[in-house]
Amino acid sequence: MWTIAIACILVGYLVGSIPFGLLAGRLKGIDIRQHGSGNIGATNVGRVLGRWYGMAVFALDLLKGLAPVAVAGPLLKRGIGIDWGQSTFLWLWLAVAAACILGHMFPIYLGFKGGKGVATSLGVILGVYPYFTLPGLAAFALWVILTRATGYVSVGSVAAAGAFPVIFACSARSELFGEGGHLWPLELFAITIGLLVIYRHRGNLRRLIQGTEPKIGSGQVRTIPKQDL
């Protein structure tokens, strides 16, 4: 059982570390880290290479979170068996989920300097089925609405990251705060990931306050000083 668990966590981290944004830039003959914000995420790729490249990277970053988690769930369920209990299964499954996100944010292939984790976190959330799937879709809908309304991807990302733990808590209230309370590891994970995503956007929040954050579709591509990342 532990062999399966460790293998799933390791694969999750290595898959999460795949820098699709960097690879997209290489297809165009550039190092995406030297352009725009210097980030390897879909937003910077879209600004520098165009919307379709950005959408492709977003989808791939989402899949590298979704696939390992979706595969690990059934594997762990069979490997643990009924004697291990629900709590142990959840903790190990969430360890795989965390490994995917940390792989994207701190990829071993790029000296642990990666993206901000929004797309990969969404993929992970959708993969933790059925617990996170509907709350994740609701948070994604909020991201779409706020991003389109404000023109800032960072506003939608930070709001969705902050809202997701609340949405999950409301949707699973009886199982979180009821007599059993067996889903509390999921709420702890949701809060932790939400805070981590917000922290990774600290530079964006600073630029929003200063009025220097680029909007999507503005055609504005500028190099952001390293101290502001």
C-alpha atoms as a PDB file:
ATOM      1  CA  MET A   1       0.000   0.000   0.000  1.00  0.00           C
ATOM      2  CA  TRP A   2       2.768   2.429   0.916  1.00  0.00           C
ATOM      3  CA  THR A   3       4.544   1.661  -2.343  1.00  0.00           C
ATOM      4  CA  ILE A   4       1.422   2.677  -4.256  1.00  0.00           C
ATOM      5  CA  ALA A   5       1.003   5.825  -2.161  1.00  0.00           C
ATOM      6  CA  ILE A   6       4.621   6.974  -2.515  1.00  0.00           C
ATOM      7  CA  ALA A   7       4.595   6.229  -6.247  1.00  0.00           C
ATOM      8  CA  CYS A   8       1.393   8.246  -6.730  1.00  0.00           C
ATOM      9  CA  ILE A   9       2.803  11.218  -4.795  1.00  0.00           C
ATOM     10  CA  LEU A  10       6.089  11.139  -6.712  1.00  0.00           C
ATOM     11  CA  VAL A  11       4.372  10.853 -10.099  1.00  0.00           C
ATOM     12  CA  GLY A  12       2.007  13.655  -9.118  1.00  0.00           C
ATOM     13  CA  TYR A  13       4.930  15.959  -8.348  1.00  0.00           C
ATOM     14  CA  LEU A  14       6.871  15.075 -11.508  1.00  0.00           C
ATOM     15  CA  VAL A  15       3.821  15.473 -13.747  1.00  0.00           C
ATOM     16  CA  GLY A  16       2.903  18.721 -12.001  1.00  0.00           C
ATOM     17  CA  SER A  17       6.432  19.970 -12.643  1.00  0.00           C
ATOM     18  CA  ILE A  18       6.126  19.722 -16.443  1.00  0.00           C
ATOM     19  CA  PRO A  19       6.549  23.357 -17.613  1.00  0.00           C
ATOM     20  CA  PHE A  20       4.052  23.525 -20.458  1.00  0.00           C
ATOM     21  CA  GLY A  21       4.361  27.315 -20.602  1.00  0.00           C
ATOM     22  CA  LEU A  22       8.108  27.059 -21.142  1.00  0.00           C
ATOM     23  CA  LEU A  23       7.624  24.358 -23.773  1.00  0.00           C
ATOM     24  CA  ALA A  24       5.072  26.523 -25.592  1.00  0.00           C
ATOM     25  CA  GLY A  25       7.612  29.325 -25.703  1.00  0.00           C
ATOM     26  CA  ARG A  26      10.242  26.987 -27.089  1.00  0.00           C
ATOM     27  CA  LEU A  27       7.887  26.170 -29.968  1.00  0.00           C
ATOM     28  CA  LYS A  28       8.046  29.862 -30.877  1.00  0.00           C
ATOM     29  CA  GLY A  29      11.774  30.042 -30.315  1.00  0.00           C
ATOM     30  CA  ILE A  30      11.705  32.076 -27.098  1.00  0.00           C
ATOM     31  CA  ASP A  31      12.220  31.556 -23.388  1.00  0.00           C
ATOM     32  CA  ILE A  32       8.920  32.714 -21.873  1.00  0.00           C
ATOM     33  CA  ARG A  33      10.767  33.490 -18.636  1.00  0.00           C
ATOM     34  CA  GLN A  34      12.507  36.362 -20.410  1.00  0.00           C
ATOM     35  CA  HIS A  35       9.291  38.010 -21.616  1.00  0.00           C
ATOM     36  CA  GLY A  36       6.333  39.748 -20.020  1.00  0.00           C
ATOM     37  CA  SER A  37       6.081  38.912 -16.335  1.00  0.00           C
ATOM     38  CA  GLY A  38       8.590  36.092 -16.679  1.00  0.00           C
ATOM     39  CA  ASN A  39       6.009  33.615 -15.386  1.00  0.00           C
ATOM     40  CA  ILE A  40       5.521  30.240 -17.095  1.00  0.00           C
ATOM     41  CA  GLY A  41       1.759  30.231 -16.499  1.00  0.00           C
ATOM     42  CA  ALA A  42      -1.019  30.516 -19.053  1.00  0.00           C
ATOM     43  CA  THR A  43      -1.677  34.228 -18.462  1.00  0.00           C
ATOM     44  CA  ASN A  44       1.840  35.304 -19.383  1.00  0.00           C
ATOM     45  CA  VAL A  45       1.937  32.836 -22.278  1.00  0.00           C
ATOM     46  CA  GLY A  46      -1.306  34.304 -23.607  1.00  0.00           C
ATOM     47  CA  ARG A  47       0.005  37.854 -23.379  1.00  0.00           C
ATOM     48  CA  VAL A  48       3.311  37.053 -25.068  1.00  0.00           C
ATOM     49  CA  LEU A  49       2.416  34.327 -27.589  1.00  0.00           C
ATOM     50  CA  GLY A  50      -1.290  34.937 -28.153  1.00  0.00           C
ATOM     51  CA  ARG A  51      -4.630  33.815 -26.767  1.00  0.00           C
ATOM     52  CA  TRP A  52      -4.635  30.334 -28.326  1.00  0.00           C
ATOM     53  CA  TYR A  53      -1.247  29.485 -26.844  1.00  0.00           C
ATOM     54  CA  GLY A  54      -2.460  30.749 -23.493  1.00  0.00           C
ATOM     55  CA  MET A  55      -5.606  28.632 -23.669  1.00  0.00           C
ATOM     56  CA  ALA A  56      -3.608  25.546 -24.660  1.00  0.00           C
ATOM     57  CA  VAL A  57      -1.213  25.995 -21.742  1.00  0.00           C
ATOM     58  CA  PHE A  58      -4.136  26.550 -19.360  1.00  0.00           C
ATOM     59  CA  ALA A  59      -5.722  23.280 -20.516  1.00  0.00           C
ATOM     60  CA  LEU A  60      -2.466  21.336 -20.215  1.00  0.00           C
ATOM     61  CA  ASP A  61      -1.697  22.782 -16.783  1.00  0.00           C
ATOM     62  CA  LEU A  62      -5.223  21.825 -15.709  1.00  0.00           C
ATOM     63  CA  LEU A  63      -4.788  18.277 -17.028  1.00  0.00           C
ATOM     64  CA  LYS A  64      -1.495  17.749 -15.227  1.00  0.00           C
ATOM     65  CA  GLY A  65      -3.383  18.355 -11.987  1.00  0.00           C
ATOM     66  CA  LEU A  66      -6.503  16.433 -12.945  1.00  0.00           C
ATOM     67  CA  ALA A  67      -4.968  13.244 -14.390  1.00  0.00           C
ATOM     68  CA  PRO A  68      -2.673  12.145 -11.512  1.00  0.00           C
ATOM     69  CA  VAL A  69      -5.353  12.835  -8.898  1.00  0.00           C
ATOM     70  CA  ALA A  70      -8.110  11.083 -10.862  1.00  0.00           C
ATOM     71  CA  VAL A  71      -5.910   8.014 -11.356  1.00  0.00           C
ATOM     72  CA  ALA A  72      -4.551   7.981  -7.804  1.00  0.00           C
ATOM     73  CA  GLY A  73      -8.000   7.930  -6.175  1.00  0.00           C
ATOM     74  CA  PRO A  74      -9.041   4.434  -7.334  1.00  0.00           C
ATOM     75  CA  LEU A  75      -5.495   3.081  -6.890  1.00  0.00           C
ATOM     76  CA  LEU A  76      -5.303   4.246  -3.305  1.00  0.00           C
ATOM     77  CA  LYS A  77      -8.838   3.075  -2.554  1.00  0.00           C
ATOM     78  CA  ARG A  78      -7.984  -0.458  -3.659  1.00  0.00           C
ATOM     79  CA  GLY A  79      -4.563  -0.413  -2.015  1.00  0.00           C
ATOM     80  CA  ILE A  80      -5.749   0.854   1.364  1.00  0.00           C
ATOM     81  CA  GLY A  81      -8.758  -1.385   1.753  1.00  0.00           C
ATOM     82  CA  ILE A  82     -11.512  -0.970   4.293  1.00  0.00           C
ATOM     83  CA  ASP A  83      -9.266  -1.490   7.330  1.00  0.00           C
ATOM     84  CA  TRP A  84      -7.369   1.722   6.691  1.00  0.00           C
ATOM     85  CA  GLY A  85     -10.457   3.878   7.017  1.00  0.00           C
ATOM     86  CA  GLN A  86     -11.740   6.926   5.221  1.00  0.00           C
ATOM     87  CA  SER A  87      -9.431   9.427   6.911  1.00  0.00           C
ATOM     88  CA  THR A  88      -6.223   7.697   5.820  1.00  0.00           C
ATOM     89  CA  PHE A  89      -7.476   7.477   2.249  1.00  0.00           C
ATOM     90  CA  LEU A  90      -8.294  11.189   2.188  1.00  0.00           C
ATOM     91  CA  TRP A  91      -4.917  12.216   3.585  1.00  0.00           C
ATOM     92  CA  LEU A  92      -2.993  10.155   1.026  1.00  0.00           C
ATOM     93  CA  TRP A  93      -5.207  11.325  -1.842  1.00  0.00           C
ATOM     94  CA  LEU A  94      -4.727  14.931  -0.786  1.00  0.00           C
ATOM     95  CA  ALA A  95      -0.961  14.340  -0.588  1.00  0.00           C
ATOM     96  CA  VAL A  96      -1.033  13.424  -4.285  1.00  0.00           C
ATOM     97  CA  ALA A  97      -3.134  16.517  -5.008  1.00  0.00           C
ATOM     98  CA  ALA A  98      -0.709  18.752  -3.090  1.00  0.00           C
ATOM     99  CA  ALA A  99       2.250  17.196  -4.914  1.00  0.00           C
ATOM    100  CA  CYS A 100       0.762  18.172  -8.296  1.00  0.00           C
ATOM    101  CA  ILE A 101       0.246  21.782  -7.237  1.00  0.00           C
ATOM    102  CA  LEU A 102       3.645  22.091  -5.573  1.00  0.00           C
ATOM    103  CA  GLY A 103       5.206  20.564  -8.684  1.00  0.00           C
ATOM    104  CA  HIS A 104       3.765  23.381 -10.786  1.00  0.00           C
ATOM    105  CA  MET A 105       4.716  26.099  -8.315  1.00  0.00           C
ATOM    106  CA  PHE A 106       8.163  24.660  -7.526  1.00  0.00           C
ATOM    107  CA  PRO A 107       9.170  22.449 -10.477  1.00  0.00           C
ATOM    108  CA  ILE A 108      12.316  20.403 -10.094  1.00  0.00           C
ATOM    109  CA  TYR A 109      13.066  20.867 -13.796  1.00  0.00           C
ATOM    110  CA  LEU A 110      13.325  24.678 -13.469  1.00  0.00           C
ATOM    111  CA  GLY A 111      15.188  25.090 -10.215  1.00  0.00           C
ATOM    112  CA  PHE A 112      11.931  25.183  -8.236  1.00  0.00           C
ATOM    113  CA  LYS A 113      10.777  28.429  -9.900  1.00  0.00           C
ATOM    114  CA  GLY A 114       7.356  27.848 -11.443  1.00  0.00           C
ATOM    115  CA  GLY A 115       3.894  29.286 -11.941  1.00  0.00           C
ATOM    116  CA  LYS A 116       1.177  30.455  -9.584  1.00  0.00           C
ATOM    117  CA  GLY A 117      -0.860  27.267  -9.656  1.00  0.00           C
ATOM    118  CA  VAL A 118      -4.343  28.421 -10.646  1.00  0.00           C
ATOM    119  CA  ALA A 119      -4.955  26.050 -13.576  1.00  0.00           C
ATOM    120  CA  THR A 120      -3.231  23.100 -11.893  1.00  0.00           C
ATOM    121  CA  SER A 121      -5.162  23.716  -8.670  1.00  0.00           C
ATOM    122  CA  LEU A 122      -8.403  23.718 -10.649  1.00  0.00           C
ATOM    123  CA  GLY A 123      -7.448  20.409 -12.258  1.00  0.00           C
ATOM    124  CA  VAL A 124      -6.657  18.911  -8.859  1.00  0.00           C
ATOM    125  CA  ILE A 125      -9.950  20.140  -7.430  1.00  0.00           C
ATOM    126  CA  LEU A 126     -11.934  18.650 -10.300  1.00  0.00           C
ATOM    127  CA  GLY A 127     -10.057  15.369  -9.840  1.00  0.00           C
ATOM    128  CA  VAL A 128     -11.030  15.010  -6.167  1.00  0.00           C
ATOM    129  CA  TYR A 129     -14.416  13.680  -7.176  1.00  0.00           C
ATOM    130  CA  PRO A 130     -17.094  14.055  -5.912  1.00  0.00           C
ATOM    131  CA  TYR A 131     -15.984  16.086  -2.898  1.00  0.00           C
ATOM    132  CA  PHE A 132     -14.416  19.096  -4.624  1.00  0.00           C
ATOM    133  CA  THR A 133     -15.838  18.897  -8.138  1.00  0.00           C
ATOM    134  CA  LEU A 134     -19.001  21.001  -7.857  1.00  0.00           C
ATOM    135  CA  PRO A 135     -17.468  23.579  -5.470  1.00  0.00           C
ATOM    136  CA  GLY A 136     -14.512  23.759  -7.851  1.00  0.00           C
ATOM    137  CA  LEU A 137     -16.771  24.443 -10.818  1.00  0.00           C
ATOM    138  CA  ALA A 138     -18.533  27.152  -8.814  1.00  0.00           C
ATOM    139  CA  ALA A 139     -15.173  28.773  -7.973  1.00  0.00           C
ATOM    140  CA  PHE A 140     -14.164  28.529 -11.631  1.00  0.00           C
ATOM    141  CA  ALA A 141     -17.407  30.245 -12.660  1.00  0.00           C
ATOM    142  CA  LEU A 142     -16.575  33.042 -10.201  1.00  0.00           C
ATOM    143  CA  TRP A 143     -13.096  33.294 -11.751  1.00  0.00           C
ATOM    144  CA  VAL A 144     -14.593  33.650 -15.242  1.00  0.00           C
ATOM    145  CA  ILE A 145     -17.140  36.266 -14.154  1.00  0.00           C
ATOM    146  CA  LEU A 146     -14.674  38.445 -12.233  1.00  0.00           C
ATOM    147  CA  THR A 147     -11.917  38.134 -14.825  1.00  0.00           C
ATOM    148  CA  ARG A 148     -14.265  39.243 -17.599  1.00  0.00           C
ATOM    149  CA  ALA A 149     -15.862  41.960 -15.468  1.00  0.00           C
ATOM    150  CA  THR A 150     -12.591  43.525 -14.280  1.00  0.00           C
ATOM    151  CA  GLY A 151     -10.216  42.572 -17.092  1.00  0.00           C
ATOM    152  CA  TYR A 152      -7.710  41.296 -14.534  1.00  0.00           C
ATOM    153  CA  VAL A 153      -6.905  37.577 -14.362  1.00  0.00           C
ATOM    154  CA  SER A 154      -5.323  38.126 -10.967  1.00  0.00           C
ATOM    155  CA  VAL A 155      -8.572  39.493  -9.505  1.00  0.00           C
ATOM    156  CA  GLY A 156     -10.498  36.432 -10.639  1.00  0.00           C
ATOM    157  CA  SER A 157      -7.747  34.095  -9.423  1.00  0.00           C
ATOM    158  CA  VAL A 158      -7.435  35.585  -5.949  1.00  0.00           C
ATOM    159  CA  ALA A 159     -11.201  35.804  -5.478  1.00  0.00           C
ATOM    160  CA  ALA A 160     -11.750  32.210  -6.616  1.00  0.00           C
ATOM    161  CA  ALA A 161      -8.935  30.946  -4.381  1.00  0.00           C
ATOM    162  CA  GLY A 162     -10.435  32.718  -1.393  1.00  0.00           C
ATOM    163  CA  ALA A 163     -13.997  31.668  -2.167  1.00  0.00           C
ATOM    164  CA  PHE A 164     -13.336  27.979  -2.814  1.00  0.00           C
ATOM    165  CA  PRO A 165     -12.896  26.886   0.853  1.00  0.00           C
ATOM    166  CA  VAL A 166     -16.076  28.782   1.765  1.00  0.00           C
ATOM    167  CA  ILE A 167     -18.065  27.235  -1.082  1.00  0.00           C
ATOM    168  CA  PHE A 168     -16.858  23.755  -0.125  1.00  0.00           C
ATOM    169  CA  ALA A 169     -17.674  24.311   3.553  1.00  0.00           C
ATOM    170  CA  CYS A 170     -21.206  25.399   2.657  1.00  0.00           C
ATOM    171  CA  SER A 171     -21.757  22.472   0.290  1.00  0.00           C
ATOM    172  CA  ALA A 172     -20.462  19.872   2.774  1.00  0.00           C
ATOM    173  CA  ARG A 173     -21.686  21.483   5.958  1.00  0.00           C
ATOM    174  CA  SER A 174     -23.290  18.411   7.519  1.00  0.00           C
ATOM    175  CA  GLU A 175     -20.246  16.217   6.884  1.00  0.00           C
ATOM    176  CA  LEU A 176     -17.815  18.880   8.091  1.00  0.00           C
ATOM    177  CA  PHE A 177     -19.548  20.123  11.198  1.00  0.00           C
ATOM    178  CA  GLY A 178     -21.934  17.266  11.938  1.00  0.00           C
ATOM    179  CA  GLU A 179     -21.450  14.339  14.247  1.00  0.00           C
ATOM    180  CA  GLY A 180     -18.999  12.558  11.938  1.00  0.00           C
ATOM    181  CA  GLY A 181     -17.010  15.504  10.671  1.00  0.00           C
ATOM    182  CA  HIS A 182     -14.910  13.151   8.539  1.00  0.00           C
ATOM    183  CA  LEU A 183     -14.333  15.625   5.699  1.00  0.00           C
ATOM    184  CA  TRP A 184     -12.293  18.102   7.736  1.00  0.00           C
ATOM    185  CA  PRO A 185      -9.022  17.111   5.960  1.00  0.00           C
ATOM    186  CA  LEU A 186     -10.600  18.339   2.724  1.00  0.00           C
ATOM    187  CA  GLU A 187     -11.501  21.705   4.252  1.00  0.00           C
ATOM    188  CA  LEU A 188      -8.004  22.077   5.672  1.00  0.00           C
ATOM    189  CA  PHE A 189      -6.575  21.313   2.224  1.00  0.00           C
ATOM    190  CA  ALA A 190      -8.942  23.798   0.568  1.00  0.00           C
ATOM    191  CA  ILE A 191      -7.926  26.576   2.951  1.00  0.00           C
ATOM    192  CA  THR A 192      -4.212  25.818   2.587  1.00  0.00           C
ATOM    193  CA  ILE A 193      -4.271  25.756  -1.214  1.00  0.00           C
ATOM    194  CA  GLY A 194      -6.408  28.888  -1.351  1.00  0.00           C
ATOM    195  CA  LEU A 195      -3.958  30.780   0.855  1.00  0.00           C
ATOM    196  CA  LEU A 196      -0.976  29.487  -1.129  1.00  0.00           C
ATOM    197  CA  VAL A 197      -2.464  30.618  -4.449  1.00  0.00           C
ATOM    198  CA  ILE A 198      -3.226  34.046  -2.969  1.00  0.00           C
ATOM    199  CA  TYR A 199       0.325  34.284  -1.619  1.00  0.00           C
ATOM    200  CA  ARG A 200       1.729  33.442  -5.051  1.00  0.00           C
ATOM    201  CA  HIS A 201      -0.247  36.423  -6.409  1.00  0.00           C
ATOM    202  CA  ARG A 202       1.235  38.909  -3.938  1.00  0.00           C
ATOM    203  CA  GLY A 203       3.085  40.694  -6.748  1.00  0.00           C
ATOM    204  CA  ASN A 204      -0.126  41.011  -8.746  1.00  0.00           C
ATOM    205  CA  LEU A 205      -1.930  42.436  -5.721  1.00  0.00           C
ATOM    206  CA  ARG A 206       0.834  44.988  -5.265  1.00  0.00           C
ATOM    207  CA  ARG A 207       0.552  46.052  -8.909  1.00  0.00           C
ATOM    208  CA  LEU A 208      -3.237  46.260  -8.664  1.00  0.00           C
ATOM    209  CA  ILE A 209      -2.871  48.693  -5.769  1.00  0.00           C
ATOM    210  CA  GLN A 210      -0.299  50.671  -7.742  1.00  0.00           C
ATOM    211  CA  GLY A 211      -2.457  50.620 -10.891  1.00  0.00           C
ATOM    212  CA  THR A 212       0.241  48.953 -13.002  1.00  0.00           C
ATOM    213  CA  GLU A 213      -1.267  45.475 -13.436  1.00  0.00           C
ATOM    214  CA  PRO A 214      -1.878  44.752 -17.170  1.00  0.00           C
ATOM    215  CA  LYS A 215      -5.413  43.860 -18.234  1.00  0.00           C
ATOM    216  CA  ILE A 216      -6.206  40.955 -20.506  1.00  0.00           C
ATOM    217  CA  GLY A 217      -6.809  41.917 -24.105  1.00  0.00           C
ATOM    218  CA  SER A 218      -5.093  45.268 -23.626  1.00  0.00           C
ATOM    219  CA  GLY A 219      -2.170  44.327 -25.833  1.00  0.00           C
ATOM    220  CA  GLN A 220       0.089  45.460 -23.025  1.00  0.00           C
ATOM    221  CA  VAL A 221       3.116  43.211 -22.634  1.00  0.00           C
ATOM    222  CA  ARG A 222       5.802  44.625 -20.432  1.00  0.00           C
ATOM    223  CA  THR A 223       8.656  43.214 -18.438  1.00  0.00           C
ATOM    224  CA  ILE A 224       7.896  43.323 -14.739  1.00  0.00           C
ATOM    225  CA  PRO A 225      10.843  43.936 -12.373  1.00  0.00           C
ATOM    226  CA  LYS A 226      11.892  40.836 -10.459  1.00  0.00           C
ATOM    227  CA  GLN A 227      11.139  42.447  -7.119  1.00  0.00           C
ATOM    228  CA  ASP A 228       7.508  42.816  -8.202  1.00  0.00           C
ATOM    229  CA  LEU A 229       6.995  39.154  -9.149  1.00  0.00           C
END
